[in-house]
């Protein structure tokens, strides 16, 4: 985890021409490929339980910023869930 903290980069990407939509894993894989990263190098901050499932199935490490207290979907197993972004990322930054 310390290595992640020393090499933190925040980014987003828009994928056009992709035939898949979140939370299908291929939607996340298209983003991973566009960034030129390996999925395990990415810590994905999910805003919904569906994002947790899809991003994890694409191979990313996932935390969930569950700021409204949503009920997790079946298969949703984030590394950390928090009621704020600070809480969700507290063990990673």
Foldseek 3Di string as FASTA:
>chain_A
DVVCVVDPDDDDDDDPPDPDDPPALVVVVSVCVVVVHQQCSDEAEDAALRVQQSSVVVPHQYFYCPLPDDDHDPNRDHPYYDNHPCRRCVVPD
